[in-house]
Amino acid sequence: QNRGLGRRPQRIMASQIALRRGGFCVKMGPQRRRMSSALCSPRAEEYARKVTDFMHTNVYGAADAAVWKHAMSDERWKIPPVIEELKAKAKSQGLWNLWMAPYLDPKSEHSPALKVEEYAPLAEIMGAVPWASEIFNCSAPDTGNMEVLIKYGTTDQKERFLTPLMNGAIRSCFAMTEKEVASSDATNIQSSIVRQGDDYIIDGLKWWTSGAMDPRCGLCIFMGKTDPTADRHVQQSMILVPMPTEGLRLVRPLTVFGYDDAPHGHAEVEFKGVQVPASNILVGEGKGFEIAQGRLGPGRIHHCMRLIGVAERALSLLCKRAHERVAFGKPLSAQGTIRSD
């Protein structure tokens, strides 16, 4: 039963892990039993406790209120100081790059190298506060972009872009979606990447480029066509565009239900004659669709778990209100219509 948000909310998580003050237990339905050994690993328990403690000690309450107040102010496109302060604190406690699976960091040089199923409940815990994932360097689109650089980047590309991303020194964005085509099908992309000598010239109009509005954004991974005459799935390429760069213009922040998600933002971005070195291409021409497919999988899991976390928090608040709000002589939770719903 959900009794609302207190100092430590008692809730059964969708990953079937319940965190309680005195211990760590697993509630399993018949369909979930096969997952118990992975979800109950000592490492999963240890990091779930650590992240939960960090959230309750540092995020819920004053910090959360301060960030939301800042996001509604005239200064919302600047970074709230508390974000960088909490990043440094989480990093010092080893709660950093928790998303990196063993296949990305086999020697645990940059992360605890948790398995995907071990990280999933952590993403859920962080997701209860939408901005909290950044504190642990676990936020999108940076995680997906880092994975792309780890898998496909050259040594020089990794040194220039991956290292500062893993250290939390810069943010990044991913420019694929276009206004004129259904961009969920990556083969529809129309933006161009044209080779000219030792450089590529980039032209196109992108939108819903999450993270582009962030003043710390230092990298855009851009997807466009290098050969429109090639086979349908090898026309596209991906290329690294430093930000800011001449010819790259942030047109406007877009809104979702009236919110602009400042200072992260979802931007419409114009690329007009943007020139970058040919060495910035990822893997080679024609690999864009392949890279896009490889990037999507883990990111979808991360997004789903974070959304489950914030949905659970919303449900907790609703349940708390139903217990506290009184109408017609009794709490809403005791009213027939509420109970039947």
Protein backbone atom coordinates (compact mmCIF):
# COMPACT_ATOMS: atom_id res chain seq x y z
CA GLN A 1 0.00 0.00 0.00
CA ASN A 2 1.18 3.47 -0.81
CA ARG A 3 0.90 5.91 2.09
CA GLY A 4 2.39 8.92 0.35
CA LEU A 5 5.71 10.70 0.37
CA GLY A 6 7.39 11.08 3.70
CA ARG A 7 11.05 11.27 4.55
CA ARG A 8 11.48 7.82 3.04
CA PRO A 9 8.50 6.84 0.88
CA GLN A 10 7.60 3.19 1.17
CA ARG A 11 6.63 2.04 -2.26
CA ILE A 12 6.78 -1.07 -4.38
CA MET A 13 8.76 -0.08 -7.45
CA ALA A 14 7.81 -1.23 -10.91
CA SER A 15 11.14 -3.04 -11.07
CA GLN A 16 9.70 -4.98 -8.10
CA ILE A 17 12.34 -3.66 -5.70
CA ALA A 18 11.01 -2.14 -2.49
CA LEU A 19 13.41 0.04 -0.52
CA ARG A 20 12.76 0.20 3.18
CA ARG A 21 14.61 1.89 6.03
CA GLY A 22 15.59 -1.35 7.70
CA GLY A 23 16.47 -3.44 4.72
CA PHE A 24 16.12 -4.33 1.09
CA CYS A 25 13.47 -6.73 -0.04
CA VAL A 26 12.02 -7.95 -3.27
CA LYS A 27 8.33 -8.40 -3.99
CA MET A 28 7.94 -10.82 -6.81
CA GLY A 29 4.92 -11.77 -8.83
CA PRO A 30 4.96 -15.14 -10.61
CA GLN A 31 6.10 -13.53 -13.85
CA ARG A 32 9.03 -11.77 -12.14
CA ARG A 33 10.74 -14.63 -10.32
CA ARG A 34 13.33 -15.30 -13.00
CA MET A 35 14.71 -11.79 -12.50
CA SER A 36 15.19 -12.06 -8.75
CA SER A 37 18.83 -13.21 -8.79
CA ALA A 38 19.89 -10.21 -10.90
CA LEU A 39 17.78 -7.64 -9.09
CA CYS A 40 18.84 -8.92 -5.67
CA SER A 41 22.57 -8.95 -6.38
CA PRO A 42 24.62 -7.39 -3.57
CA ARG A 43 25.77 -4.65 -5.95
CA ALA A 44 22.19 -3.78 -6.91
CA GLU A 45 21.22 -3.60 -3.23
CA GLU A 46 24.26 -1.51 -2.32
CA TYR A 47 23.80 1.09 -5.05
CA ALA A 48 20.02 1.25 -4.61
CA ARG A 49 20.58 2.13 -0.96
CA LYS A 50 23.27 4.67 -1.78
CA VAL A 51 21.26 6.44 -4.47
CA THR A 52 18.13 6.45 -2.29
CA ASP A 53 20.05 7.91 0.65
CA PHE A 54 21.62 10.56 -1.58
CA MET A 55 18.24 11.54 -2.99
CA HIS A 56 16.64 11.92 0.43
CA THR A 57 19.61 13.71 1.94
CA ASN A 58 20.42 16.07 -0.93
CA VAL A 59 17.63 16.26 -3.52
CA TYR A 60 14.14 16.05 -2.03
CA GLY A 61 13.08 19.19 -0.25
CA ALA A 62 15.12 22.38 -0.50
CA ALA A 63 17.20 21.48 -3.57
CA ASP A 64 14.21 20.27 -5.57
CA ALA A 65 12.24 23.38 -4.66
CA ALA A 66 15.17 25.63 -5.59
CA VAL A 67 15.61 24.04 -9.01
CA TRP A 68 11.92 24.30 -9.88
CA LYS A 69 11.78 27.91 -8.68
CA HIS A 70 14.81 28.68 -10.87
CA ALA A 71 13.17 26.95 -13.86
CA MET A 72 10.20 29.32 -13.59
CA SER A 73 12.32 32.47 -13.28
CA ASP A 74 13.79 34.88 -15.84
CA GLU A 75 17.17 33.21 -15.20
CA ARG A 76 15.90 29.77 -16.18
CA TRP A 77 18.31 29.35 -19.13
CA LYS A 78 21.24 29.55 -16.72
CA ILE A 79 22.34 26.56 -14.64
CA PRO A 80 21.23 26.56 -10.99
CA PRO A 81 24.39 26.45 -8.82
CA VAL A 82 23.00 23.56 -6.79
CA ILE A 83 23.25 21.26 -9.83
CA GLU A 84 27.03 21.50 -10.10
CA GLU A 85 27.38 21.31 -6.32
CA LEU A 86 25.44 18.05 -6.17
CA LYS A 87 27.31 16.64 -9.17
CA ALA A 88 30.60 17.11 -7.33
CA LYS A 89 29.14 15.51 -4.22
CA ALA A 90 27.75 12.46 -6.04
CA LYS A 91 31.03 12.00 -7.90
CA SER A 92 33.01 12.08 -4.66
CA GLN A 93 30.76 9.30 -3.30
CA GLY A 94 31.31 7.06 -6.34
CA LEU A 95 27.74 7.58 -7.62
CA TRP A 96 28.87 8.53 -11.10
CA ASN A 97 28.29 7.15 -14.60
CA LEU A 98 26.09 4.47 -13.08
CA TRP A 99 24.53 3.77 -16.50
CA MET A 100 27.76 2.36 -17.98
CA ALA A 101 27.29 -1.37 -18.47
CA PRO A 102 30.23 -3.80 -18.33
CA TYR A 103 30.44 -3.99 -22.13
CA LEU A 104 31.12 -0.24 -22.16
CA ASP A 105 33.49 -0.11 -19.19
CA PRO A 106 34.85 -3.66 -18.69
CA LYS A 107 37.64 -2.55 -16.32
CA SER A 108 35.38 -0.26 -14.25
CA GLU A 109 37.68 2.65 -14.97
CA HIS A 110 34.93 5.25 -15.20
CA SER A 111 31.98 3.65 -13.44
CA PRO A 112 30.86 0.75 -11.22
CA ALA A 113 30.08 -1.13 -14.47
CA LEU A 114 26.62 -2.22 -13.35
CA LYS A 115 24.59 -4.58 -15.50
CA VAL A 116 21.58 -3.10 -17.27
CA GLU A 117 19.18 -4.92 -14.93
CA GLU A 118 21.16 -3.60 -11.94
CA TYR A 119 21.02 -0.05 -13.22
CA ALA A 120 17.30 -0.10 -14.11
CA PRO A 121 16.02 0.35 -10.52
CA LEU A 122 18.57 3.14 -9.98
CA ALA A 123 17.17 5.00 -13.00
CA GLU A 124 13.75 4.60 -11.44
CA ILE A 125 14.90 6.06 -8.12
CA MET A 126 16.57 9.03 -9.86
CA GLY A 127 13.57 9.54 -12.13
CA ALA A 128 11.32 10.50 -9.23
CA VAL A 129 12.88 13.97 -9.59
CA PRO A 130 13.15 14.77 -13.33
CA TRP A 131 16.40 16.75 -13.08
CA ALA A 132 18.16 14.40 -10.65
CA SER A 133 19.73 12.02 -13.20
CA GLU A 134 22.19 14.72 -14.22
CA ILE A 135 23.63 14.75 -10.71
CA PHE A 136 24.90 11.21 -11.28
CA ASN A 137 25.93 11.89 -14.91
CA CYS A 138 23.14 9.58 -16.00
CA SER A 139 20.91 11.91 -18.02
CA ALA A 140 19.84 11.86 -21.64
CA PRO A 141 20.96 12.58 -24.27
CA ASP A 142 24.47 12.46 -22.79
CA THR A 143 24.34 8.76 -21.91
CA GLY A 144 23.37 7.81 -25.46
CA ASN A 145 25.96 10.13 -26.96
CA MET A 146 28.67 8.75 -24.70
CA GLU A 147 27.73 5.22 -25.69
CA VAL A 148 28.03 6.20 -29.35
CA LEU A 149 31.49 7.68 -28.77
CA ILE A 150 32.64 4.65 -26.76
CA LYS A 151 31.48 2.24 -29.48
CA TYR A 152 32.27 4.20 -32.63
CA GLY A 153 34.57 7.12 -31.78
CA THR A 154 38.23 7.41 -32.74
CA THR A 155 40.89 8.02 -30.11
CA ASP A 156 40.95 11.72 -31.00
CA GLN A 157 37.14 12.00 -30.91
CA LYS A 158 37.03 10.32 -27.52
CA GLU A 159 39.71 12.58 -26.10
CA ARG A 160 37.99 15.72 -27.38
CA PHE A 161 34.38 14.89 -26.55
CA LEU A 162 33.97 11.67 -24.56
CA THR A 163 36.33 12.53 -21.73
CA PRO A 164 34.67 15.86 -20.83
CA LEU A 165 31.24 14.21 -21.11
CA MET A 166 32.22 11.39 -18.77
CA ASN A 167 33.63 13.97 -16.35
CA GLY A 168 30.44 16.03 -16.48
CA ALA A 169 32.34 19.07 -17.77
CA ILE A 170 30.08 19.57 -20.81
CA ARG A 171 26.60 18.54 -21.98
CA SER A 172 25.57 17.39 -25.46
CA CYS A 173 22.65 17.07 -27.86
CA PHE A 174 21.54 14.71 -30.64
CA ALA A 175 20.16 16.23 -33.85
CA MET A 176 18.13 13.71 -35.84
CA THR A 177 14.43 14.71 -35.84
CA GLU A 178 13.32 17.01 -38.70
CA LYS A 179 10.18 19.10 -39.19
CA GLU A 180 9.31 17.97 -42.70
CA VAL A 181 9.51 14.18 -42.35
CA ALA A 182 8.49 11.42 -39.94
CA SER A 183 11.89 11.13 -38.31
CA SER A 184 11.10 8.06 -36.20
CA ASP A 185 12.04 6.34 -39.46
CA ALA A 186 15.70 7.36 -39.70
CA THR A 187 15.79 6.61 -43.42
CA ASN A 188 13.52 9.65 -43.97
CA ILE A 189 16.18 12.12 -42.84
CA GLN A 190 16.78 14.81 -45.49
CA SER A 191 19.54 17.01 -44.02
CA SER A 192 22.78 16.92 -45.97
CA ILE A 193 26.41 16.26 -45.11
CA VAL A 194 28.53 17.04 -48.18
CA ARG A 195 32.26 16.34 -48.49
CA GLN A 196 34.38 19.28 -49.67
CA GLY A 197 38.09 18.54 -49.58
CA ASP A 198 39.17 17.94 -46.01
CA ASP A 199 35.86 19.12 -44.58
CA TYR A 200 32.14 18.37 -44.54
CA ILE A 201 29.48 21.03 -45.10
CA ILE A 202 26.27 20.50 -43.12
CA ASP A 203 22.84 21.89 -43.97
CA GLY A 204 19.45 21.15 -42.45
CA LEU A 205 16.73 22.16 -40.02
CA LYS A 206 16.31 19.99 -36.94
CA TRP A 207 13.90 20.21 -34.05
CA TRP A 208 13.25 18.52 -30.70
CA THR A 209 17.02 18.58 -30.27
CA SER A 210 17.02 17.99 -26.52
CA GLY A 211 19.83 19.64 -24.60
CA ALA A 212 20.83 22.11 -27.31
CA MET A 213 19.62 25.07 -25.22
CA ASP A 214 21.90 24.19 -22.29
CA PRO A 215 24.71 26.79 -22.08
CA ARG A 216 27.15 23.96 -21.29
CA CYS A 217 26.31 22.05 -24.48
CA GLY A 218 29.64 21.46 -26.23
CA LEU A 219 28.76 18.73 -28.73
CA CYS A 220 26.01 17.98 -31.22
CA ILE A 221 25.85 14.57 -32.89
CA PHE A 222 24.22 15.35 -36.23
CA MET A 223 22.56 12.86 -38.57
CA GLY A 224 22.18 13.60 -42.27
CA LYS A 225 22.61 12.13 -45.74
CA THR A 226 26.02 11.80 -47.33
CA ASP A 227 24.83 9.86 -50.38
CA PRO A 228 21.12 10.14 -51.33
CA THR A 229 21.67 7.70 -54.21
CA ALA A 230 22.95 4.82 -52.09
CA ASP A 231 20.90 1.95 -50.69
CA ARG A 232 18.15 3.21 -48.38
CA HIS A 233 19.88 2.18 -45.15
CA VAL A 234 23.37 3.45 -46.00
CA GLN A 235 22.52 6.96 -47.21
CA GLN A 236 22.85 8.43 -43.72
CA SER A 237 25.90 9.34 -41.67
CA MET A 238 26.59 10.83 -38.26
CA ILE A 239 29.08 13.59 -37.64
CA LEU A 240 30.35 15.45 -34.57
CA VAL A 241 29.64 19.19 -34.51
CA PRO A 242 31.31 21.23 -31.75
CA MET A 243 29.10 23.86 -30.15
CA PRO A 244 29.06 26.73 -30.68
CA THR A 245 30.01 26.60 -34.37
CA GLU A 246 29.57 29.18 -37.12
CA GLY A 247 26.38 28.50 -39.10
CA LEU A 248 24.67 26.65 -36.25
CA ARG A 249 21.74 28.70 -34.93
CA LEU A 250 19.40 27.95 -32.06
CA VAL A 251 16.09 29.05 -33.55
CA ARG A 252 13.85 28.64 -30.50
CA PRO A 253 13.06 26.43 -27.53
CA LEU A 254 10.03 24.18 -28.07
CA THR A 255 7.43 23.47 -25.42
CA VAL A 256 5.64 20.35 -24.17
CA PHE A 257 2.27 21.12 -22.55
CA GLY A 258 3.51 24.68 -22.12
CA TYR A 259 6.83 23.77 -20.45
CA ASP A 260 10.17 24.56 -22.07
CA ASP A 261 12.23 22.31 -19.74
CA ALA A 262 14.77 25.08 -19.12
CA PRO A 263 17.73 25.07 -18.88
CA HIS A 264 17.93 21.75 -20.75
CA GLY A 265 15.40 22.61 -23.44
CA HIS A 266 14.25 21.04 -26.69
CA ALA A 267 15.43 23.25 -29.53
CA GLU A 268 14.73 23.92 -33.14
CA VAL A 269 18.21 24.21 -34.65
CA GLU A 270 19.28 25.50 -38.05
CA PHE A 271 22.48 24.24 -39.69
CA LYS A 272 23.43 26.50 -42.56
CA GLY A 273 26.78 25.86 -44.23
CA VAL A 274 28.27 24.46 -41.03
CA GLN A 275 31.84 23.36 -41.76
CA VAL A 276 33.63 20.71 -39.72
CA PRO A 277 36.75 18.59 -40.40
CA ALA A 278 36.25 15.31 -42.25
CA SER A 279 37.82 13.60 -39.23
CA ASN A 280 34.62 14.37 -37.29
CA ILE A 281 32.63 11.72 -39.16
CA LEU A 282 31.63 8.75 -36.99
CA VAL A 283 33.03 5.44 -38.29
CA GLY A 284 32.58 6.46 -41.92
CA GLU A 285 30.00 7.49 -44.47
CA GLY A 286 26.84 5.40 -44.63
CA LYS A 287 26.94 4.21 -40.99
CA GLY A 288 24.36 6.62 -39.57
CA PHE A 289 21.38 4.26 -39.60
CA GLU A 290 23.43 1.49 -38.01
CA ILE A 291 24.65 3.82 -35.25
CA ALA A 292 21.13 5.14 -34.64
CA GLN A 293 19.75 1.64 -34.14
CA GLY A 294 22.56 0.75 -31.73
CA ARG A 295 21.96 3.94 -29.75
CA LEU A 296 18.22 3.50 -29.24
CA GLY A 297 18.03 0.28 -27.21
CA PRO A 298 19.61 1.17 -23.85
CA GLY A 299 18.21 4.70 -23.97
CA ARG A 300 14.65 3.44 -24.21
CA ILE A 301 15.14 1.32 -21.07
CA HIS A 302 16.61 4.28 -19.20
CA HIS A 303 13.75 6.58 -20.24
CA CYS A 304 11.09 4.04 -19.29
CA MET A 305 12.53 3.48 -15.81
CA ARG A 306 12.87 7.21 -15.12
CA LEU A 307 9.28 7.80 -16.19
CA ILE A 308 8.06 4.99 -13.96
CA GLY A 309 9.89 6.67 -11.08
CA VAL A 310 8.23 10.05 -11.55
CA ALA A 311 4.83 8.40 -12.13
CA GLU A 312 5.19 6.58 -8.81
CA ARG A 313 6.02 9.83 -7.06
CA ALA A 314 2.92 11.45 -8.55
CA LEU A 315 0.80 8.51 -7.40
CA SER A 316 2.33 8.79 -3.92
CA LEU A 317 1.33 12.45 -3.72
CA LEU A 318 -2.19 11.64 -4.89
CA CYS A 319 -2.55 8.94 -2.26
CA LYS A 320 -1.21 11.26 0.43
CA ARG A 321 -3.75 13.92 -0.53
CA ALA A 322 -6.57 11.38 -0.55
CA HIS A 323 -5.72 10.45 3.06
CA GLU A 324 -5.41 14.05 4.25
CA ARG A 325 -8.21 15.85 2.36
CA VAL A 326 -11.56 15.71 4.17
CA ALA A 327 -14.96 16.12 2.55
CA PHE A 328 -18.44 15.27 3.89
CA GLY A 329 -16.99 14.27 7.23
CA LYS A 330 -14.35 11.77 6.11
CA PRO A 331 -11.10 11.59 4.11
CA LEU A 332 -11.33 11.32 0.35
CA SER A 333 -9.70 7.89 0.63
CA ALA A 334 -12.80 6.69 2.47
CA GLN A 335 -15.23 8.03 -0.10
CA GLY A 336 -16.99 5.47 -2.26
CA THR A 337 -16.07 7.06 -5.58
CA ILE A 338 -12.38 7.23 -4.68
CA ARG A 339 -12.30 3.68 -3.41
CA SER A 340 -14.06 2.33 -6.48
CA ASP A 341 -11.61 4.13 -8.78
